[in-house]
Structures are given as C-alpha cells and as structure tokens.
Amino acid sequence: QVQLVESGGGLVQPGGSLRLSCAASGRISSISTMGWYRQAPGKERELVAHITSGSTTYYADSAKGRFTISRDNAKNTVYLQMNSLKPEDTAVYFCYAFAPLGAPRNYWGQGTQVTVSS
C-alpha cells in the first residue's frame, strides 16, 4: 500500500502563487508516475500534471506556462508550483501515484482545497 498526504492549499488572490506538496509513504518502490488532478464544483476530475520516475513531465493545456511539477525522490515528495493563479484554478487538488506492477492501480491523497478569489 501507498499513503499520500497533501499540503499547501489555501486561499490566494488572482495572480498569486501556491505550492502544493504530496508526501508518499509505504511501498514507495512500487511507484512510477506521480501527479496531480483537480476537481472543481460540478465538474469532472481533470489531470493537471504528472511526472514519471525518469522526470518526464506532462501538463494540461490549462497548466502550461504557469504550473511546474517536480519530484524529490529522496523525500518521496512531489510538488506542484502554481503561479499566476486564476479564479478558474479553484478546485480540490488531488495527488496520485501510479503503481504499475502486479495489479496496476492509482493511489490517491485526500485532496487539498485551492481557492483563487479576491
């Protein structure tokens, strides 16, 4: 099993920045890709960004140029630096970790609220 604990959400004004963190514990060796999804009220959960074990990154179009995902393998932590935040970035952000071996599955964090409002 893998446990994920997110932190760093909160209220920020438009144009501001936040950094989300997601610390993994448990069967760390089983994890390959880690990333972030978000879900706004009344909308489906959408992928924001992910980073592979080889540090290859992917960003949704909405995140390109404003968000940066990074990974500290020594700390088993993935980060999402979010700059130039917009009201439409308001959502619950969920960290996930993909374990591809055996029975492939995603593990999920509990979610952290990000609210962008003046």
N, C-alpha and C. Protein backbone atom coordinates (compact mmCIF):
# COMPACT_ATOMS: atom_id res chain seq x y z
N GLN A 1 0.84 -1.20 0.00
CA GLN A 1 0.00 0.00 0.00
C GLN A 1 0.88 1.25 0.00
N VAL A 2 0.30 2.32 -0.52
CA VAL A 2 0.96 3.62 -0.56
C VAL A 2 0.01 4.63 0.06
N GLN A 3 0.55 5.48 0.91
CA GLN A 3 -0.23 6.56 1.50
C GLN A 3 0.31 7.89 0.97
N LEU A 4 -0.60 8.78 0.65
CA LEU A 4 -0.25 10.10 0.12
C LEU A 4 -0.89 11.17 0.99
N VAL A 5 -0.09 12.15 1.40
CA VAL A 5 -0.58 13.24 2.22
C VAL A 5 -0.23 14.56 1.55
N GLU A 6 -1.28 15.31 1.20
CA GLU A 6 -1.08 16.59 0.52
C GLU A 6 -1.07 17.74 1.52
N SER A 7 -0.43 18.83 1.14
CA SER A 7 -0.45 20.05 1.92
C SER A 7 -0.20 21.23 0.99
N GLY A 8 -0.49 22.43 1.48
CA GLY A 8 -0.15 23.63 0.74
C GLY A 8 -1.30 24.36 0.09
N GLY A 9 -2.51 23.81 0.18
CA GLY A 9 -3.64 24.53 -0.40
C GLY A 9 -4.01 25.74 0.43
N GLY A 10 -4.96 26.52 -0.08
CA GLY A 10 -5.42 27.68 0.66
C GLY A 10 -6.11 28.68 -0.24
N LEU A 11 -6.27 29.88 0.31
CA LEU A 11 -6.91 30.98 -0.40
C LEU A 11 -5.83 31.93 -0.90
N VAL A 12 -5.92 32.29 -2.16
CA VAL A 12 -4.94 33.20 -2.75
C VAL A 12 -5.66 34.12 -3.72
N GLN A 13 -5.14 35.32 -3.87
CA GLN A 13 -5.72 36.28 -4.80
C GLN A 13 -5.32 35.94 -6.23
N PRO A 14 -6.13 36.35 -7.19
CA PRO A 14 -5.74 36.15 -8.60
C PRO A 14 -4.36 36.74 -8.87
N GLY A 15 -3.57 35.98 -9.62
CA GLY A 15 -2.20 36.39 -9.89
C GLY A 15 -1.20 35.89 -8.88
N GLY A 16 -1.68 35.34 -7.79
CA GLY A 16 -0.80 34.84 -6.74
C GLY A 16 -0.26 33.46 -7.02
N SER A 17 0.48 32.94 -6.04
CA SER A 17 1.13 31.64 -6.19
C SER A 17 0.87 30.76 -4.98
N LEU A 18 0.90 29.47 -5.21
CA LEU A 18 0.84 28.47 -4.16
C LEU A 18 1.73 27.31 -4.56
N ARG A 19 2.25 26.61 -3.55
CA ARG A 19 2.98 25.38 -3.83
C ARG A 19 2.33 24.24 -3.07
N LEU A 20 1.89 23.24 -3.80
CA LEU A 20 1.32 22.05 -3.20
C LEU A 20 2.40 20.99 -3.04
N SER A 21 2.31 20.26 -1.95
CA SER A 21 3.23 19.15 -1.70
C SER A 21 2.45 17.88 -1.48
N CYS A 22 3.04 16.76 -1.86
CA CYS A 22 2.43 15.45 -1.66
C CYS A 22 3.52 14.49 -1.23
N ALA A 23 3.43 14.05 0.02
CA ALA A 23 4.42 13.13 0.57
C ALA A 23 3.90 11.71 0.53
N ALA A 24 4.69 10.82 -0.03
CA ALA A 24 4.31 9.41 -0.14
C ALA A 24 5.01 8.59 0.92
N SER A 25 4.32 7.57 1.39
CA SER A 25 4.90 6.63 2.35
C SER A 25 4.35 5.24 2.04
N GLY A 26 4.97 4.24 2.64
CA GLY A 26 4.54 2.87 2.40
C GLY A 26 5.43 2.22 1.35
N ARG A 27 4.83 1.53 0.37
CA ARG A 27 5.58 0.81 -0.65
C ARG A 27 6.05 1.78 -1.74
N ILE A 28 6.98 2.63 -1.37
CA ILE A 28 7.47 3.67 -2.28
C ILE A 28 8.07 3.07 -3.54
N SER A 29 8.72 1.95 -3.40
CA SER A 29 9.41 1.34 -4.54
C SER A 29 8.45 0.91 -5.65
N SER A 30 7.17 0.79 -5.33
CA SER A 30 6.19 0.37 -6.34
C SER A 30 5.72 1.51 -7.22
N ILE A 31 6.06 2.74 -6.85
CA ILE A 31 5.53 3.92 -7.55
C ILE A 31 6.35 4.26 -8.77
N SER A 32 5.66 4.59 -9.88
CA SER A 32 6.37 5.14 -11.03
C SER A 32 5.94 6.60 -11.19
N THR A 33 4.85 6.84 -11.87
CA THR A 33 4.40 8.22 -12.12
C THR A 33 3.64 8.78 -10.92
N MET A 34 3.86 10.04 -10.65
CA MET A 34 3.08 10.78 -9.66
C MET A 34 2.56 12.06 -10.30
N GLY A 35 1.47 12.55 -9.78
CA GLY A 35 0.93 13.76 -10.38
C GLY A 35 -0.23 14.34 -9.60
N TRP A 36 -0.90 15.27 -10.27
CA TRP A 36 -2.00 15.99 -9.65
C TRP A 36 -3.20 16.04 -10.59
N TYR A 37 -4.36 15.77 -10.03
CA TYR A 37 -5.64 16.01 -10.66
C TYR A 37 -6.32 17.14 -9.87
N ARG A 38 -7.35 17.71 -10.46
CA ARG A 38 -8.17 18.65 -9.73
C ARG A 38 -9.63 18.47 -10.11
N GLN A 39 -10.49 18.86 -9.19
CA GLN A 39 -11.92 18.77 -9.43
C GLN A 39 -12.61 20.01 -8.90
N ALA A 40 -13.21 20.76 -9.81
CA ALA A 40 -13.97 21.94 -9.44
C ALA A 40 -15.43 21.54 -9.21
N PRO A 41 -16.16 22.34 -8.46
CA PRO A 41 -17.57 22.01 -8.19
C PRO A 41 -18.36 21.83 -9.47
N GLY A 42 -19.08 20.71 -9.57
CA GLY A 42 -19.91 20.45 -10.73
C GLY A 42 -19.17 19.99 -11.96
N LYS A 43 -17.86 19.77 -11.83
CA LYS A 43 -17.06 19.36 -12.98
C LYS A 43 -16.39 18.02 -12.71
N GLU A 44 -15.95 17.38 -13.80
CA GLU A 44 -15.24 16.12 -13.65
C GLU A 44 -13.80 16.38 -13.21
N ARG A 45 -13.24 15.34 -12.60
CA ARG A 45 -11.84 15.43 -12.21
C ARG A 45 -10.98 15.48 -13.47
N GLU A 46 -9.98 16.37 -13.49
CA GLU A 46 -9.13 16.51 -14.66
C GLU A 46 -7.66 16.45 -14.27
N LEU A 47 -6.85 15.88 -15.15
CA LEU A 47 -5.41 15.80 -14.92
C LEU A 47 -4.80 17.18 -15.10
N VAL A 48 -3.98 17.58 -14.15
CA VAL A 48 -3.28 18.86 -14.21
C VAL A 48 -1.85 18.66 -14.71
N ALA A 49 -1.13 17.75 -14.08
CA ALA A 49 0.26 17.49 -14.46
C ALA A 49 0.70 16.17 -13.85
N HIS A 50 1.69 15.55 -14.51
CA HIS A 50 2.32 14.40 -13.88
C HIS A 50 3.80 14.36 -14.21
N ILE A 51 4.52 13.55 -13.44
CA ILE A 51 5.95 13.41 -13.62
C ILE A 51 6.30 11.94 -13.43
N THR A 52 7.07 11.41 -14.37
CA THR A 52 7.42 9.99 -14.30
C THR A 52 8.63 9.79 -13.38
N SER A 53 8.95 8.54 -13.14
CA SER A 53 10.12 8.23 -12.32
C SER A 53 11.40 8.70 -13.00
N GLY A 54 11.36 8.87 -14.31
CA GLY A 54 12.50 9.40 -15.04
C GLY A 54 12.45 10.90 -15.23
N SER A 55 11.51 11.55 -14.54
CA SER A 55 11.36 13.01 -14.53
C SER A 55 10.81 13.60 -15.82
N THR A 56 10.19 12.78 -16.63
CA THR A 56 9.46 13.31 -17.78
C THR A 56 8.15 13.90 -17.28
N THR A 57 7.84 15.10 -17.75
CA THR A 57 6.66 15.79 -17.26
C THR A 57 5.59 15.93 -18.34
N TYR A 58 4.38 16.06 -17.87
CA TYR A 58 3.23 16.35 -18.74
C TYR A 58 2.40 17.41 -18.05
N TYR A 59 1.88 18.34 -18.85
CA TYR A 59 0.99 19.39 -18.33
C TYR A 59 -0.27 19.49 -19.18
N ALA A 60 -1.38 19.68 -18.52
CA ALA A 60 -2.59 20.03 -19.25
C ALA A 60 -2.41 21.42 -19.86
N ASP A 61 -3.13 21.69 -20.92
CA ASP A 61 -3.01 23.00 -21.56
C ASP A 61 -3.27 24.13 -20.58
N SER A 62 -4.18 23.92 -19.66
CA SER A 62 -4.53 24.97 -18.70
C SER A 62 -3.40 25.26 -17.72
N ALA A 63 -2.46 24.33 -17.61
CA ALA A 63 -1.37 24.49 -16.65
C ALA A 63 -0.05 24.92 -17.30
N LYS A 64 0.06 24.75 -18.59
CA LYS A 64 1.32 25.05 -19.27
C LYS A 64 1.72 26.52 -19.10
N GLY A 65 2.98 26.73 -18.76
CA GLY A 65 3.49 28.07 -18.61
C GLY A 65 3.23 28.71 -17.27
N ARG A 66 2.36 28.09 -16.45
CA ARG A 66 2.04 28.67 -15.14
C ARG A 66 2.37 27.72 -14.00
N PHE A 67 2.25 26.42 -14.22
CA PHE A 67 2.48 25.42 -13.18
C PHE A 67 3.76 24.65 -13.48
N THR A 68 4.44 24.25 -12.42
CA THR A 68 5.62 23.41 -12.57
C THR A 68 5.54 22.25 -11.59
N ILE A 69 5.66 21.04 -12.11
CA ILE A 69 5.67 19.86 -11.26
C ILE A 69 7.11 19.39 -11.09
N SER A 70 7.43 18.98 -9.88
CA SER A 70 8.77 18.48 -9.61
C SER A 70 8.69 17.35 -8.59
N ARG A 71 9.80 16.65 -8.45
CA ARG A 71 9.79 15.44 -7.62
C ARG A 71 11.10 15.34 -6.89
N ASP A 72 11.05 15.10 -5.59
CA ASP A 72 12.24 14.88 -4.78
C ASP A 72 12.19 13.43 -4.32
N ASN A 73 12.91 12.57 -5.01
CA ASN A 73 12.85 11.14 -4.69
C ASN A 73 13.43 10.83 -3.32
N ALA A 74 14.38 11.64 -2.86
CA ALA A 74 14.97 11.41 -1.54
C ALA A 74 13.93 11.64 -0.44
N LYS A 75 12.99 12.54 -0.70
CA LYS A 75 11.95 12.85 0.28
C LYS A 75 10.62 12.18 -0.06
N ASN A 76 10.60 11.43 -1.17
CA ASN A 76 9.36 10.77 -1.62
C ASN A 76 8.22 11.77 -1.74
N THR A 77 8.53 12.92 -2.30
CA THR A 77 7.57 14.02 -2.34
C THR A 77 7.49 14.60 -3.75
N VAL A 78 6.28 14.92 -4.17
CA VAL A 78 6.07 15.61 -5.43
C VAL A 78 5.46 16.96 -5.13
N TYR A 79 5.85 17.95 -5.91
CA TYR A 79 5.42 19.33 -5.70
C TYR A 79 4.70 19.85 -6.94
N LEU A 80 3.79 20.78 -6.71
CA LEU A 80 3.17 21.50 -7.81
C LEU A 80 3.26 22.99 -7.48
N GLN A 81 4.14 23.67 -8.17
CA GLN A 81 4.27 25.13 -8.02
C GLN A 81 3.28 25.78 -8.98
N MET A 82 2.38 26.55 -8.44
CA MET A 82 1.34 27.19 -9.24
C MET A 82 1.50 28.69 -9.17
N ASN A 83 1.76 29.30 -10.32
CA ASN A 83 1.92 30.74 -10.41
C ASN A 83 0.82 31.34 -11.27
N SER A 84 0.68 32.65 -11.19
CA SER A 84 -0.32 33.36 -12.00
C SER A 84 -1.69 32.70 -11.89
N LEU A 85 -2.09 32.42 -10.67
CA LEU A 85 -3.33 31.71 -10.46
C LEU A 85 -4.54 32.52 -10.88
N LYS A 86 -5.53 31.80 -11.40
CA LYS A 86 -6.76 32.41 -11.90
C LYS A 86 -7.95 31.85 -11.10
N PRO A 87 -9.05 32.57 -11.07
CA PRO A 87 -10.24 32.04 -10.38
C PRO A 87 -10.65 30.66 -10.89
N GLU A 88 -10.44 30.41 -12.17
CA GLU A 88 -10.82 29.11 -12.72
C GLU A 88 -9.91 27.97 -12.26
N ASP A 89 -8.84 28.28 -11.57
CA ASP A 89 -8.00 27.25 -10.96
C ASP A 89 -8.57 26.75 -9.64
N THR A 90 -9.61 27.40 -9.16
CA THR A 90 -10.24 26.98 -7.92
C THR A 90 -10.77 25.56 -8.03
N ALA A 91 -10.33 24.71 -7.12
CA ALA A 91 -10.71 23.29 -7.17
C ALA A 91 -10.10 22.58 -5.96
N VAL A 92 -10.52 21.35 -5.78
CA VAL A 92 -9.81 20.46 -4.87
C VAL A 92 -8.74 19.75 -5.70
N TYR A 93 -7.52 19.81 -5.23
CA TYR A 93 -6.39 19.20 -5.93
C TYR A 93 -6.03 17.89 -5.24
N PHE A 94 -5.95 16.84 -6.05
CA PHE A 94 -5.67 15.50 -5.55
C PHE A 94 -4.33 15.02 -6.10
N CYS A 95 -3.50 14.55 -5.22
CA CYS A 95 -2.25 13.91 -5.60
C CYS A 95 -2.54 12.45 -5.91
N TYR A 96 -1.82 11.91 -6.89
CA TYR A 96 -1.95 10.48 -7.14
C TYR A 96 -0.57 9.88 -7.42
N ALA A 97 -0.50 8.58 -7.22
CA ALA A 97 0.71 7.82 -7.52
C ALA A 97 0.29 6.55 -8.23
N PHE A 98 0.98 6.27 -9.32
CA PHE A 98 0.65 5.09 -10.11
C PHE A 98 1.66 4.00 -9.83
N ALA A 99 1.13 2.81 -9.48
CA ALA A 99 1.97 1.64 -9.24
C ALA A 99 1.69 0.65 -10.36
N PRO A 100 2.62 0.48 -11.30
CA PRO A 100 2.33 -0.29 -12.50
C PRO A 100 2.48 -1.81 -12.38
N LEU A 101 3.17 -2.30 -11.37
CA LEU A 101 3.47 -3.72 -11.32
C LEU A 101 2.38 -4.50 -10.59
N GLY A 102 2.33 -5.79 -10.90
CA GLY A 102 1.32 -6.64 -10.27
C GLY A 102 -0.05 -6.25 -10.76
N ALA A 103 -0.91 -5.80 -9.88
CA ALA A 103 -2.22 -5.28 -10.25
C ALA A 103 -2.11 -3.75 -10.34
N PRO A 104 -1.91 -3.18 -11.54
CA PRO A 104 -1.68 -1.73 -11.65
C PRO A 104 -2.83 -0.94 -11.05
N ARG A 105 -2.47 0.12 -10.34
CA ARG A 105 -3.51 0.94 -9.73
C ARG A 105 -2.97 2.30 -9.38
N ASN A 106 -3.89 3.25 -9.21
CA ASN A 106 -3.57 4.57 -8.70
C ASN A 106 -3.89 4.63 -7.22
N TYR A 107 -3.03 5.28 -6.48
CA TYR A 107 -3.30 5.65 -5.10
C TYR A 107 -3.62 7.14 -5.07
N TRP A 108 -4.47 7.53 -4.14
CA TRP A 108 -4.93 8.92 -4.10
C TRP A 108 -4.74 9.53 -2.72
N GLY A 109 -4.42 10.83 -2.72
CA GLY A 109 -4.43 11.58 -1.48
C GLY A 109 -5.84 12.03 -1.16
N GLN A 110 -5.99 12.72 -0.02
CA GLN A 110 -7.30 13.12 0.45
C GLN A 110 -7.80 14.40 -0.22
N GLY A 111 -6.91 15.10 -0.89
CA GLY A 111 -7.29 16.34 -1.57
C GLY A 111 -7.00 17.56 -0.73
N THR A 112 -6.66 18.64 -1.40
CA THR A 112 -6.42 19.92 -0.72
C THR A 112 -7.11 21.02 -1.52
N GLN A 113 -7.82 21.89 -0.81
CA GLN A 113 -8.61 22.93 -1.48
C GLN A 113 -7.72 24.10 -1.88
N VAL A 114 -7.87 24.52 -3.12
CA VAL A 114 -7.24 25.73 -3.62
C VAL A 114 -8.35 26.68 -4.06
N THR A 115 -8.37 27.86 -3.48
CA THR A 115 -9.38 28.85 -3.82
C THR A 115 -8.68 30.13 -4.28
N VAL A 116 -9.01 30.56 -5.49
CA VAL A 116 -8.42 31.77 -6.05
C VAL A 116 -9.53 32.81 -6.15
N SER A 117 -9.43 33.81 -5.30
CA SER A 117 -10.50 34.80 -5.22
C SER A 117 -9.97 36.09 -4.61
N SER A 118 -10.53 37.20 -5.06
CA SER A 118 -10.18 38.49 -4.48
C SER A 118 -11.14 38.84 -3.35
